[in-house]
Amino acid sequence: MTKELLVLCATAGSIGFLHTIFGPDHYLPFIVMSKARKWSLAKTSFITVLCGIGHVLSSVVLGFIGIALGMAVMRLEAFEAFRGNLAAWALISFGFMYFVWGIHRAIRNKPHSHIHLHDEEVHSHEHAHVSQHAHVHEAKKKNITPWILFTIFVLGPCEPLIPILMYPAAKNSAAGVALVAGVFSIVTITTMTSIVVMMSLGLKVVKFGKIERYTHALAGAAICCSGLAIQFLGL
């Protein structure tokens, strides 16, 4: 490995880490959906890694195609920006629809009390019919939420990767291109998963109390806001 390639790999790793840390869309959707849908830590990690692979691999494949066709960096970056807009609006739309569904579910699932008379003893208990009824049906239905997230993340670009790939490509080093792409991908996916796991573990011990039934709505709002932050704040 040449000194130039070593520096390039270190740069790719650093950019992958910072790109992920400062992009809440890389981890926030998984954290809030894990809490709302009560995913296990193993399932949350698997979905995060799967979406991370799709997210990075789509940009790697695009970069390889661009290199093979001799496309300029500006043209590739313009296409990546277009994909970024699609992904941001997809996050906004999905988050908003999930928020509306979560509000509807929370209203229907409002706890209420029943009074029971046993001989001369009177007591009441609080429960929610919708929640109990929904759990039975949710267990039978296939959950498409992970696949929606996967599709959105495949659309989402890794803009910093394209310029980094171009240098070893210009040197006609296929191994260098593969190495730089591999370092960037591993660092990005590892950072995503680490943040999601740590935050999910922290949220598992948090008791939401009376607002527990609004977790789906809060999850949708958080995803929608992350999409808005990407689209309008450039995060």
Protein backbone atom coordinates (compact mmCIF):
# COMPACT_ATOMS: atom_id res chain seq x y z
CA MET A 1 0.00 0.00 0.00
CA THR A 2 1.40 3.37 -1.03
CA LYS A 3 1.52 6.35 1.30
CA GLU A 4 -1.04 8.15 -0.88
CA LEU A 5 -3.49 5.25 -0.67
CA LEU A 6 -2.98 4.99 3.09
CA VAL A 7 -3.83 8.69 3.50
CA LEU A 8 -6.84 8.25 1.22
CA CYS A 9 -8.13 5.30 3.29
CA ALA A 10 -7.72 7.30 6.50
CA THR A 11 -9.59 10.18 4.87
CA ALA A 12 -12.35 7.84 3.71
CA GLY A 13 -12.73 6.42 7.22
CA SER A 14 -12.81 9.86 8.82
CA ILE A 15 -15.34 11.23 6.35
CA GLY A 16 -17.50 8.12 6.72
CA PHE A 17 -17.54 8.57 10.50
CA LEU A 18 -18.29 12.31 10.45
CA HIS A 19 -20.80 11.96 7.60
CA THR A 20 -22.73 9.46 9.73
CA ILE A 21 -22.45 11.31 13.04
CA PHE A 22 -23.70 14.59 11.61
CA GLY A 23 -26.46 12.94 9.55
CA PRO A 24 -29.32 12.07 11.95
CA ASP A 25 -31.12 10.29 9.13
CA HIS A 26 -28.46 7.55 9.40
CA TYR A 27 -29.61 6.42 12.85
CA LEU A 28 -32.67 8.32 14.16
CA PRO A 29 -35.27 6.36 12.13
CA PHE A 30 -34.00 3.05 13.52
CA ILE A 31 -33.87 4.28 17.11
CA VAL A 32 -37.42 5.65 17.16
CA MET A 33 -38.94 2.76 15.18
CA SER A 34 -37.25 0.25 17.45
CA LYS A 35 -38.81 1.93 20.48
CA ALA A 36 -42.26 2.37 18.91
CA ARG A 37 -42.53 -1.12 17.43
CA LYS A 38 -40.72 -2.81 20.34
CA TRP A 39 -38.09 -4.48 18.18
CA SER A 40 -35.51 -6.62 19.90
CA LEU A 41 -31.93 -5.36 19.93
CA ALA A 42 -30.95 -8.15 17.51
CA LYS A 43 -33.72 -7.19 15.05
CA THR A 44 -32.89 -3.50 15.34
CA SER A 45 -29.21 -4.18 14.65
CA PHE A 46 -30.00 -6.45 11.69
CA ILE A 47 -32.31 -3.88 10.08
CA THR A 48 -29.76 -1.10 10.64
CA VAL A 49 -26.92 -3.10 9.07
CA LEU A 50 -29.13 -4.15 6.14
CA CYS A 51 -30.19 -0.56 5.44
CA GLY A 52 -26.60 0.61 5.89
CA ILE A 53 -25.38 -1.89 3.30
CA GLY A 54 -28.07 -0.75 0.86
CA HIS A 55 -27.25 2.90 1.55
CA VAL A 56 -23.51 2.55 0.90
CA LEU A 57 -23.66 -0.10 -1.81
CA SER A 58 -25.93 1.98 -4.04
CA SER A 59 -23.38 4.82 -4.07
CA VAL A 60 -20.47 2.41 -4.56
CA VAL A 61 -22.17 0.79 -7.55
CA LEU A 62 -22.99 4.22 -9.00
CA GLY A 63 -19.38 5.30 -8.50
CA PHE A 64 -18.06 2.18 -10.23
CA ILE A 65 -20.45 2.70 -13.17
CA GLY A 66 -19.40 6.35 -13.42
CA ILE A 67 -15.72 5.40 -13.38
CA ALA A 68 -16.27 2.71 -16.02
CA LEU A 69 -18.11 5.17 -18.28
CA GLY A 70 -15.60 7.94 -17.65
CA MET A 71 -18.20 10.28 -16.16
CA ALA A 72 -16.97 13.49 -14.53
CA VAL A 73 -17.23 14.03 -10.78
CA MET A 74 -19.67 16.91 -11.24
CA ARG A 75 -22.12 14.76 -13.19
CA LEU A 76 -22.00 11.99 -10.60
CA GLU A 77 -22.43 14.45 -7.74
CA ALA A 78 -25.40 16.06 -9.52
CA PHE A 79 -27.07 12.66 -9.80
CA GLU A 80 -26.28 11.92 -6.14
CA ALA A 81 -27.88 15.25 -5.18
CA PHE A 82 -31.00 14.27 -7.12
CA ARG A 83 -31.11 10.94 -5.26
CA GLY A 84 -30.64 12.84 -2.01
CA ASN A 85 -33.72 14.94 -2.70
CA LEU A 86 -35.74 11.81 -3.42
CA ALA A 87 -34.58 10.16 -0.20
CA ALA A 88 -35.27 13.27 1.89
CA TRP A 89 -38.83 13.65 0.56
CA ALA A 90 -39.39 9.91 1.02
CA LEU A 91 -38.37 10.25 4.70
CA ILE A 92 -40.60 13.30 5.12
CA SER A 93 -43.59 11.56 3.52
CA PHE A 94 -43.12 8.29 5.40
CA GLY A 95 -42.58 10.09 8.71
CA PHE A 96 -45.65 12.31 8.26
CA MET A 97 -47.92 9.40 7.30
CA TYR A 98 -46.61 7.34 10.21
CA PHE A 99 -47.19 10.33 12.53
CA VAL A 100 -50.82 10.65 11.39
CA TRP A 101 -51.34 6.90 11.81
CA GLY A 102 -49.75 7.07 15.26
CA ILE A 103 -52.06 9.90 16.36
CA HIS A 104 -55.09 7.95 15.09
CA ARG A 105 -53.92 4.83 16.92
CA ALA A 106 -53.27 6.77 20.14
CA ILE A 107 -56.77 8.33 20.08
CA ARG A 108 -58.42 4.96 19.51
CA ASN A 109 -56.24 3.40 22.15
CA LYS A 110 -57.18 5.88 24.90
CA PRO A 111 -57.37 3.94 28.20
CA HIS A 112 -60.75 3.84 29.90
CA SER A 113 -62.19 2.34 33.07
CA HIS A 114 -64.79 -0.33 33.66
CA ILE A 115 -66.63 -0.76 36.95
CA HIS A 116 -67.28 -4.33 38.11
CA LEU A 117 -69.56 -5.52 40.91
CA HIS A 118 -68.62 -8.73 42.70
CA ASP A 119 -71.13 -9.56 45.45
CA GLU A 120 -70.87 -6.45 47.60
CA GLU A 121 -67.43 -5.40 46.38
CA VAL A 122 -67.11 -2.77 43.67
CA HIS A 123 -63.86 -2.16 41.78
CA SER A 124 -62.71 -0.67 38.49
CA HIS A 125 -59.80 -1.31 36.17
CA GLU A 126 -58.31 0.63 33.30
CA HIS A 127 -57.46 -0.88 29.92
CA ALA A 128 -57.43 -0.20 26.19
CA HIS A 129 -59.27 -2.48 23.78
CA VAL A 130 -57.47 -1.39 20.62
CA SER A 131 -54.02 -2.15 21.99
CA GLN A 132 -54.95 -5.67 23.02
CA HIS A 133 -56.78 -6.30 19.75
CA ALA A 134 -53.98 -4.84 17.63
CA HIS A 135 -51.24 -7.00 19.13
CA VAL A 136 -53.04 -10.16 17.99
CA HIS A 137 -53.32 -8.98 14.40
CA GLU A 138 -49.87 -7.36 14.23
CA ALA A 139 -48.34 -10.70 15.14
CA LYS A 140 -50.05 -12.28 12.11
CA LYS A 141 -49.33 -9.51 9.58
CA LYS A 142 -45.98 -9.06 7.85
CA ASN A 143 -44.31 -5.83 8.92
CA ILE A 144 -43.28 -3.83 5.85
CA THR A 145 -41.72 -0.96 7.82
CA PRO A 146 -38.15 -2.36 7.58
CA TRP A 147 -38.51 -2.69 3.81
CA ILE A 148 -39.77 0.88 3.51
CA LEU A 149 -36.71 2.06 5.43
CA PHE A 150 -34.46 -0.12 3.29
CA THR A 151 -35.90 1.39 0.08
CA ILE A 152 -35.41 4.92 1.40
CA PHE A 153 -31.82 4.18 2.40
CA VAL A 154 -31.02 2.66 -1.00
CA LEU A 155 -32.22 5.94 -2.52
CA GLY A 156 -30.12 7.94 -0.05
CA PRO A 157 -26.67 8.82 -1.42
CA CYS A 158 -23.24 8.93 0.22
CA GLU A 159 -22.15 12.17 -1.45
CA PRO A 160 -18.61 12.31 0.03
CA LEU A 161 -17.72 8.89 -1.39
CA ILE A 162 -17.68 9.86 -5.08
CA PRO A 163 -14.75 12.35 -5.00
CA ILE A 164 -12.72 9.98 -2.81
CA LEU A 165 -13.16 7.14 -5.30
CA MET A 166 -12.02 9.28 -8.21
CA TYR A 167 -8.42 9.67 -7.07
CA PRO A 168 -7.43 5.97 -7.12
CA ALA A 169 -9.52 5.61 -10.29
CA ALA A 170 -7.44 8.33 -11.92
CA LYS A 171 -4.34 6.32 -10.97
CA ASN A 172 -5.87 3.25 -12.69
CA SER A 173 -5.90 1.36 -9.40
CA ALA A 174 -8.92 -0.96 -9.21
CA ALA A 175 -7.63 -2.36 -5.92
CA GLY A 176 -7.33 1.18 -4.56
CA VAL A 177 -10.91 2.01 -5.53
CA ALA A 178 -12.17 -1.19 -3.87
CA LEU A 179 -10.10 -0.56 -0.73
CA VAL A 180 -11.26 3.05 -0.31
CA ALA A 181 -14.90 2.03 -0.90
CA GLY A 182 -14.53 -0.83 1.60
CA VAL A 183 -13.07 1.39 4.34
CA PHE A 184 -15.76 4.04 3.86
CA SER A 185 -18.53 1.40 3.89
CA ILE A 186 -17.32 -0.46 6.98
CA VAL A 187 -16.82 2.74 9.00
CA THR A 188 -20.21 4.13 7.96
CA ILE A 189 -22.18 0.96 8.75
CA THR A 190 -20.29 0.35 12.02
CA THR A 191 -20.92 3.92 13.18
CA MET A 192 -24.62 3.71 12.27
CA THR A 193 -25.09 0.44 14.12
CA SER A 194 -23.11 1.52 17.20
CA ILE A 195 -25.18 4.69 17.65
CA VAL A 196 -28.45 2.82 17.13
CA VAL A 197 -27.54 0.07 19.61
CA MET A 198 -26.36 2.49 22.31
CA MET A 199 -29.39 4.77 21.98
CA SER A 200 -31.82 1.85 21.80
CA LEU A 201 -30.37 0.37 24.98
CA GLY A 202 -30.77 3.74 26.68
CA LEU A 203 -34.40 4.11 25.56
CA LYS A 204 -35.29 0.62 26.81
CA VAL A 205 -34.90 1.80 30.40
CA VAL A 206 -36.87 5.01 29.85
CA LYS A 207 -40.48 4.87 31.03
CA PHE A 208 -42.78 7.04 28.96
CA GLY A 209 -45.76 6.61 31.28
CA LYS A 210 -48.98 8.09 29.94
CA ILE A 211 -47.41 9.16 26.65
CA GLU A 212 -46.41 5.55 25.84
CA ARG A 213 -49.38 5.26 23.49
CA TYR A 214 -48.01 8.20 21.50
CA THR A 215 -44.66 6.51 20.73
CA HIS A 216 -45.70 5.71 17.15
CA ALA A 217 -46.71 9.33 16.57
CA LEU A 218 -43.46 10.57 18.13
CA ALA A 219 -41.48 8.15 15.95
CA GLY A 220 -43.20 9.45 12.82
CA ALA A 221 -42.58 13.06 13.84
CA ALA A 222 -38.89 12.34 14.48
CA ILE A 223 -38.45 10.68 11.07
CA CYS A 224 -40.30 13.52 9.35
CA CYS A 225 -38.10 16.09 11.10
CA SER A 226 -34.91 14.25 10.11
CA GLY A 227 -36.07 14.35 6.48
CA LEU A 228 -36.83 18.07 6.78
CA ALA A 229 -33.39 18.66 8.31
CA ILE A 230 -31.75 16.96 5.33
CA GLN A 231 -33.84 18.80 2.76
CA PHE A 232 -33.75 22.30 4.21
CA LEU A 233 -30.75 22.39 6.55
CA GLY A 234 -28.40 20.25 4.48
CA LEU A 235 -27.61 17.82 7.31
